């Protein structure tokens, strides 16, 4: 069995860490949606119709977990 090159291992660990930052909080990462709040991450919502008529406004929507509530 050949060893894994350090560059490949580091890239893999870095990718997994970044995925954890943006992951759904119910998976156990991104606790309290901290990354989403800090970056104003556009979290998917089931309905944007109330916002569709608001042009050139910052919406300031709180992020929601897939569980349907703020965690």
PDB file of N, CA and C in Angstrom:
ATOM      1  N   UNK A   1       0.837  -1.168   0.000  1.00  0.00           N
ATOM      2  CA  UNK A   1       0.000   0.000   0.000  1.00  0.00           C
ATOM      3  C   UNK A   1       0.889   1.241   0.000  1.00  0.00           C
ATOM      4  N   UNK A   2       0.634   2.140  -0.941  1.00  0.00           N
ATOM      5  CA  UNK A   2       1.463   3.338  -1.029  1.00  0.00           C
ATOM      6  C   UNK A   2       0.874   4.462  -0.172  1.00  0.00           C
ATOM      7  N   UNK A   3       1.722   5.299   0.383  1.00  0.00           N
ATOM      8  CA  UNK A   3       1.226   6.396   1.225  1.00  0.00           C
ATOM      9  C   UNK A   3       0.527   7.462   0.374  1.00  0.00           C
ATOM     10  N   UNK A   4      -0.377   8.170   0.989  1.00  0.00           N
ATOM     11  CA  UNK A   4      -1.079   9.254   0.316  1.00  0.00           C
ATOM     12  C   UNK A   4      -0.175  10.484   0.314  1.00  0.00           C
ATOM     13  N   UNK A   5      -0.011  11.114  -0.843  1.00  0.00           N
ATOM     14  CA  UNK A   5       0.808  12.333  -0.869  1.00  0.00           C
ATOM     15  C   UNK A   5       0.209  13.405   0.049  1.00  0.00           C
ATOM     16  N   UNK A   6       1.065  14.118   0.751  1.00  0.00           N
ATOM     17  CA  UNK A   6       0.596  15.100   1.731  1.00  0.00           C
ATOM     18  C   UNK A   6      -0.276  16.179   1.095  1.00  0.00           C
ATOM     19  N   UNK A   7       0.021  16.579  -0.128  1.00  0.00           N
ATOM     20  CA  UNK A   7      -0.783  17.608  -0.796  1.00  0.00           C
ATOM     21  C   UNK A   7      -2.213  17.111  -1.025  1.00  0.00           C
ATOM     22  N   UNK A   8      -2.369  15.861  -1.417  1.00  0.00           N
ATOM     23  CA  UNK A   8      -3.692  15.278  -1.641  1.00  0.00           C
ATOM     24  C   UNK A   8      -4.456  15.189  -0.320  1.00  0.00           C
ATOM     25  N   UNK A   9      -3.782  14.737   0.725  1.00  0.00           N
ATOM     26  CA  UNK A   9      -4.417  14.620   2.038  1.00  0.00           C
ATOM     27  C   UNK A   9      -4.859  15.985   2.563  1.00  0.00           C
ATOM     28  N   UNK A  10      -3.971  16.985   2.482  1.00  0.00           N
ATOM     29  CA  UNK A  10      -4.308  18.318   2.965  1.00  0.00           C
ATOM     30  C   UNK A  10      -5.485  18.898   2.188  1.00  0.00           C
ATOM     31  N   UNK A  11      -5.493  18.749   0.873  1.00  0.00           N
ATOM     32  CA  UNK A  11      -6.598  19.257   0.049  1.00  0.00           C
ATOM     33  C   UNK A  11      -7.909  18.600   0.446  1.00  0.00           C
ATOM     34  N   UNK A  12      -7.878  17.303   0.689  1.00  0.00           N
ATOM     35  CA  UNK A  12      -9.084  16.575   1.081  1.00  0.00           C
ATOM     36  C   UNK A  12      -9.610  17.066   2.441  1.00  0.00           C
ATOM     37  N   UNK A  13      -8.719  17.247   3.396  1.00  0.00           N
ATOM     38  CA  UNK A  13      -9.114  17.733   4.718  1.00  0.00           C
ATOM     39  C   UNK A  13      -9.658  19.155   4.626  1.00  0.00           C
ATOM     40  N   UNK A  14      -9.015  20.005   3.838  1.00  0.00           N
ATOM     41  CA  UNK A  14      -9.478  21.377   3.665  1.00  0.00           C
ATOM     42  C   UNK A  14     -10.864  21.414   3.018  1.00  0.00           C
ATOM     43  N   UNK A  15     -11.071  20.603   1.997  1.00  0.00           N
ATOM     44  CA  UNK A  15     -12.384  20.539   1.337  1.00  0.00           C
ATOM     45  C   UNK A  15     -13.474  20.101   2.318  1.00  0.00           C
ATOM     46  N   UNK A  16     -13.190  19.083   3.104  1.00  0.00           N
ATOM     47  CA  UNK A  16     -14.172  18.608   4.081  1.00  0.00           C
ATOM     48  C   UNK A  16     -14.471  19.666   5.141  1.00  0.00           C
ATOM     49  N   UNK A  17     -13.462  20.410   5.556  1.00  0.00           N
ATOM     50  CA  UNK A  17     -13.659  21.468   6.538  1.00  0.00           C
ATOM     51  C   UNK A  17     -14.542  22.568   5.975  1.00  0.00           C
ATOM     52  N   UNK A  18     -14.292  22.977   4.729  1.00  0.00           N
ATOM     53  CA  UNK A  18     -15.112  24.020   4.109  1.00  0.00           C
ATOM     54  C   UNK A  18     -16.547  23.547   3.906  1.00  0.00           C
ATOM     55  N   UNK A  19     -16.735  22.290   3.560  1.00  0.00           N
ATOM     56  CA  UNK A  19     -18.088  21.746   3.425  1.00  0.00           C
ATOM     57  C   UNK A  19     -18.818  21.793   4.765  1.00  0.00           C
ATOM     58  N   UNK A  20     -18.113  21.542   5.842  1.00  0.00           N
ATOM     59  CA  UNK A  20     -18.716  21.597   7.166  1.00  0.00           C
ATOM     60  C   UNK A  20     -19.167  22.992   7.549  1.00  0.00           C
ATOM     61  N   UNK A  21     -18.447  24.009   7.086  1.00  0.00           N
ATOM     62  CA  UNK A  21     -18.838  25.384   7.388  1.00  0.00           C
ATOM     63  C   UNK A  21     -20.175  25.750   6.766  1.00  0.00           C
ATOM     64  N   UNK A  22     -20.443  25.281   5.558  1.00  0.00           N
ATOM     65  CA  UNK A  22     -21.675  25.677   4.878  1.00  0.00           C
ATOM     66  C   UNK A  22     -22.774  24.632   4.983  1.00  0.00           C
ATOM     67  N   UNK A  23     -22.524  23.560   5.684  1.00  0.00           N
ATOM     68  CA  UNK A  23     -23.480  22.454   5.752  1.00  0.00           C
ATOM     69  C   UNK A  23     -24.719  22.817   6.561  1.00  0.00           C
ATOM     70  N   UNK A  24     -25.725  22.022   6.366  1.00  0.00           N
ATOM     71  CA  UNK A  24     -26.981  22.157   7.099  1.00  0.00           C
ATOM     72  C   UNK A  24     -26.738  21.868   8.573  1.00  0.00           C
ATOM     73  N   UNK A  25     -27.223  22.721   9.474  1.00  0.00           N
ATOM     74  CA  UNK A  25     -26.970  22.530  10.905  1.00  0.00           C
ATOM     75  C   UNK A  25     -27.483  21.209  11.475  1.00  0.00           C
ATOM     76  N   UNK A  26     -28.505  20.618  10.892  1.00  0.00           N
ATOM     77  CA  UNK A  26     -29.001  19.348  11.432  1.00  0.00           C
ATOM     78  C   UNK A  26     -27.980  18.227  11.254  1.00  0.00           C
ATOM     79  N   UNK A  27     -26.970  18.454  10.412  1.00  0.00           N
ATOM     80  CA  UNK A  27     -25.933  17.441  10.227  1.00  0.00           C
ATOM     81  C   UNK A  27     -24.902  17.481  11.349  1.00  0.00           C
ATOM     82  N   UNK A  28     -25.009  18.483  12.218  1.00  0.00           N
ATOM     83  CA  UNK A  28     -24.081  18.584  13.333  1.00  0.00           C
ATOM     84  C   UNK A  28     -22.982  19.606  13.111  1.00  0.00           C
ATOM     85  N   UNK A  29     -22.910  20.171  11.932  1.00  0.00           N
ATOM     86  CA  UNK A  29     -21.912  21.206  11.672  1.00  0.00           C
ATOM     87  C   UNK A  29     -22.622  22.551  11.525  1.00  0.00           C
ATOM     88  N   UNK A  30     -21.863  23.602  11.328  1.00  0.00           N
ATOM     89  CA  UNK A  30     -22.425  24.947  11.173  1.00  0.00           C
ATOM     90  C   UNK A  30     -23.351  25.265  12.350  1.00  0.00           C
ATOM     91  N   UNK A  31     -22.851  25.058  13.554  1.00  0.00           N
ATOM     92  CA  UNK A  31     -23.648  25.224  14.766  1.00  0.00           C
ATOM     93  C   UNK A  31     -24.272  26.610  14.834  1.00  0.00           C
ATOM     94  N   UNK A  32     -25.547  26.642  15.141  1.00  0.00           N
ATOM     95  CA  UNK A  32     -26.336  27.873  15.248  1.00  0.00           C
ATOM     96  C   UNK A  32     -26.317  28.699  13.964  1.00  0.00           C
ATOM     97  N   UNK A  33     -26.034  28.036  12.854  1.00  0.00           N
ATOM     98  CA  UNK A  33     -25.993  28.676  11.537  1.00  0.00           C
ATOM     99  C   UNK A  33     -25.030  29.862  11.517  1.00  0.00           C
ATOM    100  N   UNK A  34     -23.950  29.744  12.276  1.00  0.00           N
ATOM    101  CA  UNK A  34     -22.998  30.845  12.431  1.00  0.00           C
ATOM    102  C   UNK A  34     -22.411  31.287  11.095  1.00  0.00           C
ATOM    103  N   UNK A  35     -22.017  30.346  10.237  1.00  0.00           N
ATOM    104  CA  UNK A  35     -21.450  30.717   8.946  1.00  0.00           C
ATOM    105  C   UNK A  35     -22.484  31.412   8.085  1.00  0.00           C
ATOM    106  N   UNK A  36     -23.699  30.900   8.079  1.00  0.00           N
ATOM    107  CA  UNK A  36     -24.763  31.502   7.274  1.00  0.00           C
ATOM    108  C   UNK A  36     -25.042  32.921   7.733  1.00  0.00           C
ATOM    109  N   UNK A  37     -25.064  33.135   9.038  1.00  0.00           N
ATOM    110  CA  UNK A  37     -25.335  34.485   9.559  1.00  0.00           C
ATOM    111  C   UNK A  37     -24.183  35.439   9.259  1.00  0.00           C
ATOM    112  N   UNK A  38     -22.968  34.961   9.433  1.00  0.00           N
ATOM    113  CA  UNK A  38     -21.777  35.812   9.246  1.00  0.00           C
ATOM    114  C   UNK A  38     -21.628  36.256   7.799  1.00  0.00           C
ATOM    115  N   UNK A  39     -21.964  35.395   6.866  1.00  0.00           N
ATOM    116  CA  UNK A  39     -21.742  35.695   5.453  1.00  0.00           C
ATOM    117  C   UNK A  39     -23.014  36.089   4.714  1.00  0.00           C
ATOM    118  N   UNK A  40     -24.138  36.166   5.409  1.00  0.00           N
ATOM    119  CA  UNK A  40     -25.445  36.427   4.767  1.00  0.00           C
ATOM    120  C   UNK A  40     -25.692  35.421   3.647  1.00  0.00           C
ATOM    121  N   UNK A  41     -25.370  34.175   3.934  1.00  0.00           N
ATOM    122  CA  UNK A  41     -25.510  33.090   2.972  1.00  0.00           C
ATOM    123  C   UNK A  41     -26.972  32.960   2.537  1.00  0.00           C
ATOM    124  N   UNK A  42     -27.242  32.935   1.225  1.00  0.00           N
ATOM    125  CA  UNK A  42     -28.638  32.866   0.755  1.00  0.00           C
ATOM    126  C   UNK A  42     -29.216  31.461   0.911  1.00  0.00           C
ATOM    127  N   UNK A  43     -29.732  31.176   2.066  1.00  0.00           N
ATOM    128  CA  UNK A  43     -30.257  29.857   2.372  1.00  0.00           C
ATOM    129  C   UNK A  43     -31.544  29.622   1.583  1.00  0.00           C
ATOM    130  N   UNK A  44     -31.719  28.428   1.081  1.00  0.00           N
ATOM    131  CA  UNK A  44     -32.919  28.095   0.317  1.00  0.00           C
ATOM    132  C   UNK A  44     -34.157  28.191   1.197  1.00  0.00           C
ATOM    133  N   UNK A  45     -35.186  28.749   0.640  1.00  0.00           N
ATOM    134  CA  UNK A  45     -36.467  28.858   1.328  1.00  0.00           C
ATOM    135  C   UNK A  45     -37.544  28.268   0.441  1.00  0.00           C
ATOM    136  N   UNK A  46     -38.636  27.889   1.042  1.00  0.00           N
ATOM    137  CA  UNK A  46     -39.702  27.262   0.262  1.00  0.00           C
ATOM    138  C   UNK A  46     -40.505  28.276  -0.533  1.00  0.00           C
ATOM    139  N   UNK A  47     -40.463  29.555  -0.164  1.00  0.00           N
ATOM    140  CA  UNK A  47     -41.301  30.539  -0.850  1.00  0.00           C
ATOM    141  C   UNK A  47     -40.697  31.938  -0.727  1.00  0.00           C
ATOM    142  N   UNK A  48     -40.426  32.549  -1.856  1.00  0.00           N
ATOM    143  CA  UNK A  48     -39.925  33.918  -1.881  1.00  0.00           C
ATOM    144  C   UNK A  48     -40.963  34.901  -2.410  1.00  0.00           C
ATOM    145  N   UNK A  49     -42.207  34.463  -2.622  1.00  0.00           N
ATOM    146  CA  UNK A  49     -43.218  35.349  -3.208  1.00  0.00           C
ATOM    147  C   UNK A  49     -43.420  36.650  -2.431  1.00  0.00           C
ATOM    148  N   UNK A  50     -43.450  36.632  -1.102  1.00  0.00           N
ATOM    149  CA  UNK A  50     -43.618  37.916  -0.396  1.00  0.00           C
ATOM    150  C   UNK A  50     -42.477  38.904  -0.675  1.00  0.00           C
ATOM    151  N   UNK A  51     -41.332  38.397  -1.058  1.00  0.00           N
ATOM    152  CA  UNK A  51     -40.174  39.255  -1.308  1.00  0.00           C
ATOM    153  C   UNK A  51     -40.065  39.667  -2.775  1.00  0.00           C
ATOM    154  N   UNK A  52     -40.830  39.043  -3.650  1.00  0.00           N
ATOM    155  CA  UNK A  52     -40.682  39.263  -5.084  1.00  0.00           C
ATOM    156  C   UNK A  52     -41.005  40.688  -5.506  1.00  0.00           C
ATOM    157  N   UNK A  53     -41.829  41.396  -4.776  1.00  0.00           N
ATOM    158  CA  UNK A  53     -42.195  42.755  -5.154  1.00  0.00           C
ATOM    159  C   UNK A  53     -41.284  43.805  -4.526  1.00  0.00           C
ATOM    160  N   UNK A  54     -40.346  43.391  -3.726  1.00  0.00           N
ATOM    161  CA  UNK A  54     -39.426  44.315  -3.059  1.00  0.00           C
ATOM    162  C   UNK A  54     -38.146  44.428  -3.869  1.00  0.00           C
ATOM    163  N   UNK A  55     -38.008  45.505  -4.626  1.00  0.00           N
ATOM    164  CA  UNK A  55     -36.854  45.700  -5.486  1.00  0.00           C
ATOM    165  C   UNK A  55     -35.800  46.549  -4.785  1.00  0.00           C
ATOM    166  N   UNK A  56     -34.550  46.206  -5.031  1.00  0.00           N
ATOM    167  CA  UNK A  56     -33.410  46.968  -4.514  1.00  0.00           C
ATOM    168  C   UNK A  56     -33.455  47.170  -3.003  1.00  0.00           C
ATOM    169  N   UNK A  57     -33.947  46.196  -2.295  1.00  0.00           N
ATOM    170  CA  UNK A  57     -33.964  46.228  -0.838  1.00  0.00           C
ATOM    171  C   UNK A  57     -33.161  45.060  -0.290  1.00  0.00           C
ATOM    172  N   UNK A  58     -32.483  45.300   0.792  1.00  0.00           N
ATOM    173  CA  UNK A  58     -31.826  44.202   1.492  1.00  0.00           C
ATOM    174  C   UNK A  58     -32.899  43.484   2.302  1.00  0.00           C
ATOM    175  N   UNK A  59     -33.011  42.181   2.139  1.00  0.00           N
ATOM    176  CA  UNK A  59     -34.105  41.453   2.756  1.00  0.00           C
ATOM    177  C   UNK A  59     -33.874  41.134   4.234  1.00  0.00           C
ATOM    178  N   UNK A  60     -32.632  40.944   4.633  1.00  0.00           N
ATOM    179  CA  UNK A  60     -32.318  40.617   6.033  1.00  0.00           C
ATOM    180  C   UNK A  60     -33.158  39.461   6.566  1.00  0.00           C
ATOM    181  N   UNK A  61     -33.220  38.387   5.815  1.00  0.00           N
ATOM    182  CA  UNK A  61     -33.950  37.200   6.249  1.00  0.00           C
ATOM    183  C   UNK A  61     -33.050  36.358   7.144  1.00  0.00           C
ATOM    184  N   UNK A  62     -33.588  35.919   8.264  1.00  0.00           N
ATOM    185  CA  UNK A  62     -32.829  35.018   9.120  1.00  0.00           C
ATOM    186  C   UNK A  62     -32.729  33.665   8.444  1.00  0.00           C
ATOM    187  N   UNK A  63     -31.584  33.012   8.541  1.00  0.00           N
ATOM    188  CA  UNK A  63     -31.462  31.691   7.939  1.00  0.00           C
ATOM    189  C   UNK A  63     -32.362  30.681   8.636  1.00  0.00           C
ATOM    190  N   UNK A  64     -32.817  29.709   7.878  1.00  0.00           N
ATOM    191  CA  UNK A  64     -33.650  28.637   8.416  1.00  0.00           C
ATOM    192  C   UNK A  64     -32.977  27.307   8.163  1.00  0.00           C
ATOM    193  N   UNK A  65     -33.089  26.441   9.113  1.00  0.00           N
ATOM    194  CA  UNK A  65     -32.584  25.085   8.956  1.00  0.00           C
ATOM    195  C   UNK A  65     -33.567  24.278   8.114  1.00  0.00           C
ATOM    196  N   UNK A  66     -33.145  23.151   7.634  1.00  0.00           N
ATOM    197  CA  UNK A  66     -34.020  22.269   6.880  1.00  0.00           C
ATOM    198  C   UNK A  66     -35.180  21.786   7.770  1.00  0.00           C
ATOM    199  N   UNK A  67     -34.982  21.882   9.065  1.00  0.00           N
ATOM    200  CA  UNK A  67     -36.039  21.531  10.005  1.00  0.00           C
ATOM    201  C   UNK A  67     -37.150  22.563  10.011  1.00  0.00           C
ATOM    202  N   UNK A  68     -36.962  23.685   9.297  1.00  0.00           N
ATOM    203  CA  UNK A  68     -37.993  24.693   9.165  1.00  0.00           C
ATOM    204  C   UNK A  68     -37.991  25.749  10.238  1.00  0.00           C
ATOM    205  N   UNK A  69     -36.927  25.809  10.978  1.00  0.00           N
ATOM    206  CA  UNK A  69     -36.839  26.804  12.039  1.00  0.00           C
ATOM    207  C   UNK A  69     -35.387  27.204  12.239  1.00  0.00           C
ATOM    208  N   UNK A  70     -35.224  28.332  12.880  1.00  0.00           N
ATOM    209  CA  UNK A  70     -33.868  28.729  13.243  1.00  0.00           C
ATOM    210  C   UNK A  70     -33.373  27.786  14.331  1.00  0.00           C
ATOM    211  N   UNK A  71     -32.174  27.295  14.174  1.00  0.00           N
ATOM    212  CA  UNK A  71     -31.628  26.336  15.132  1.00  0.00           C
ATOM    213  C   UNK A  71     -30.879  27.069  16.224  1.00  0.00           C
TER     214      UNK A  71
END
